[in-house]
Amino acid sequence: MIIDHVMLGRRIRELREAKTVSQTDAAAALEVSQPTYSRIESGERPLTGDELVILADLFGLRAAALTGLPAMRGRARYAARTDGSSSAMATMREKLYAYLELDTYLTSQGIT
């Protein structure tokens, strides 16, 4: 799947505005200038994997919610051992989903 960076930028802008985060604050979180951040929202500059994760965290969302890529929950199969607590398994499962979503985004960018 190829990411449409203009649509991704529009989605990021809408989410940023909905969360009442300024472009300056989002740029600071990414450690880029405000003009560079503006280019991300306009679709002129693609996000790196790190930037995708930082923005998802800043907005309190998953990477798949930003990219529009399908969530991994229905496709992921896993086996693991924990200390028996369900919270450890749930934490492991959520981290696995986040890594798989990031991998899907990076693969769509030609980064393997």
Protein backbone atom coordinates (compact mmCIF):
# COMPACT_ATOMS: atom_id res chain seq x y z
CA MET A 1 0.00 0.00 0.00
CA ILE A 2 1.33 3.43 -0.95
CA ILE A 3 0.75 6.34 1.40
CA ASP A 4 -0.78 9.51 -0.07
CA HIS A 5 1.28 12.13 1.78
CA VAL A 6 -1.19 14.93 1.05
CA MET A 7 -4.01 12.92 2.65
CA LEU A 8 -1.74 11.92 5.54
CA GLY A 9 -0.78 15.55 6.08
CA ARG A 10 -4.44 16.57 6.06
CA ARG A 11 -5.27 13.84 8.59
CA ILE A 12 -2.37 14.95 10.82
CA ARG A 13 -3.52 18.59 10.67
CA GLU A 14 -7.10 17.63 11.55
CA LEU A 15 -5.97 15.50 14.48
CA ARG A 16 -3.54 18.17 15.70
CA GLU A 17 -6.28 20.79 15.62
CA ALA A 18 -8.76 18.46 17.32
CA LYS A 19 -6.23 17.90 20.12
CA THR A 20 -5.59 21.69 20.26
CA VAL A 21 -1.86 21.27 19.66
CA SER A 22 -0.13 24.15 17.87
CA GLN A 23 2.15 23.59 14.89
CA THR A 24 4.96 25.04 16.99
CA ASP A 25 4.39 22.46 19.75
CA ALA A 26 4.12 19.60 17.25
CA ALA A 27 7.33 20.78 15.54
CA ALA A 28 9.09 20.92 18.91
CA ALA A 29 7.97 17.35 19.69
CA LEU A 30 9.47 16.21 16.38
CA GLU A 31 12.56 18.39 16.87
CA VAL A 32 12.04 20.08 13.49
CA SER A 33 11.40 23.69 12.58
CA GLN A 34 7.84 24.96 12.26
CA PRO A 35 8.26 25.45 8.47
CA THR A 36 9.44 21.83 8.17
CA TYR A 37 6.44 20.68 10.20
CA SER A 38 4.17 22.73 7.94
CA ARG A 39 5.62 20.85 4.95
CA ILE A 40 4.66 17.56 6.66
CA GLU A 41 1.06 18.74 7.00
CA SER A 42 0.98 19.92 3.38
CA GLY A 43 2.26 16.53 2.19
CA GLU A 44 5.49 17.96 0.77
CA ARG A 45 7.66 16.05 3.26
CA PRO A 46 7.03 12.44 4.31
CA LEU A 47 7.18 11.43 7.95
CA THR A 48 9.99 9.24 9.19
CA GLY A 49 9.07 6.23 11.29
CA ASP A 50 10.25 7.98 14.45
CA GLU A 51 8.16 11.05 13.64
CA LEU A 52 5.10 8.90 13.06
CA VAL A 53 5.46 7.32 16.50
CA ILE A 54 6.09 10.69 18.19
CA LEU A 55 3.00 12.28 16.61
CA ALA A 56 0.84 9.27 17.45
CA ASP A 57 1.98 9.54 21.08
CA LEU A 58 1.49 13.32 21.10
CA PHE A 59 -2.09 12.93 19.88
CA GLY A 60 -2.78 9.90 22.09
CA LEU A 61 -3.39 7.63 19.09
CA ARG A 62 -1.96 4.58 17.37
CA ALA A 63 0.18 4.91 14.27
CA ALA A 64 -2.56 3.26 12.21
CA ALA A 65 -4.98 6.03 13.20
CA LEU A 66 -2.61 8.59 11.69
CA THR A 67 -1.70 6.71 8.53
CA GLY A 68 -5.09 5.20 7.83
CA LEU A 69 -3.38 1.85 7.33
CA PRO A 70 -5.41 -1.09 8.58
CA ALA A 71 -4.88 -1.97 12.21
CA MET A 72 -2.99 -5.17 12.88
CA ARG A 73 -5.32 -6.64 15.47
CA GLY A 74 -7.23 -8.87 13.10
CA ARG A 75 -4.16 -10.10 11.25
CA ALA A 76 -1.59 -10.59 14.03
CA ARG A 77 -0.99 -14.03 15.44
CA TYR A 78 1.33 -14.47 18.37
CA ALA A 79 2.43 -16.81 21.07
CA ALA A 80 4.15 -15.67 24.25
CA ARG A 81 4.84 -16.58 27.83
CA THR A 82 4.29 -14.21 30.70
CA ASP A 83 4.29 -14.46 34.44
CA GLY A 84 0.62 -15.39 34.18
CA SER A 85 -0.80 -11.93 34.66
CA SER A 86 -3.26 -10.78 32.05
CA SER A 87 -1.91 -7.21 32.23
CA ALA A 88 1.56 -8.38 31.10
CA MET A 89 0.00 -10.17 28.12
CA ALA A 90 -2.15 -7.15 27.22
CA THR A 91 0.89 -4.85 27.36
CA MET A 92 2.91 -7.20 25.18
CA ARG A 93 0.07 -7.48 22.68
CA GLU A 94 -0.35 -3.68 22.41
CA LYS A 95 3.39 -3.21 21.85
CA LEU A 96 3.34 -5.91 19.17
CA TYR A 97 0.49 -4.16 17.36
CA ALA A 98 2.32 -0.82 17.51
CA TYR A 99 5.51 -2.36 16.05
CA LEU A 100 3.57 -4.09 13.29
CA GLU A 101 1.75 -0.86 12.39
CA LEU A 102 5.08 0.98 12.23
CA ASP A 103 6.52 -1.79 10.06
CA THR A 104 3.57 -1.49 7.68
CA TYR A 105 4.14 2.26 7.35
CA LEU A 106 7.88 1.88 6.80
CA THR A 107 7.31 -0.85 4.22
CA SER A 108 4.85 1.43 2.39
CA GLN A 109 7.68 3.99 2.22
CA GLY A 110 10.05 1.47 0.67
CA ILE A 111 12.01 1.03 3.89
CA THR A 112 12.47 -2.63 4.71
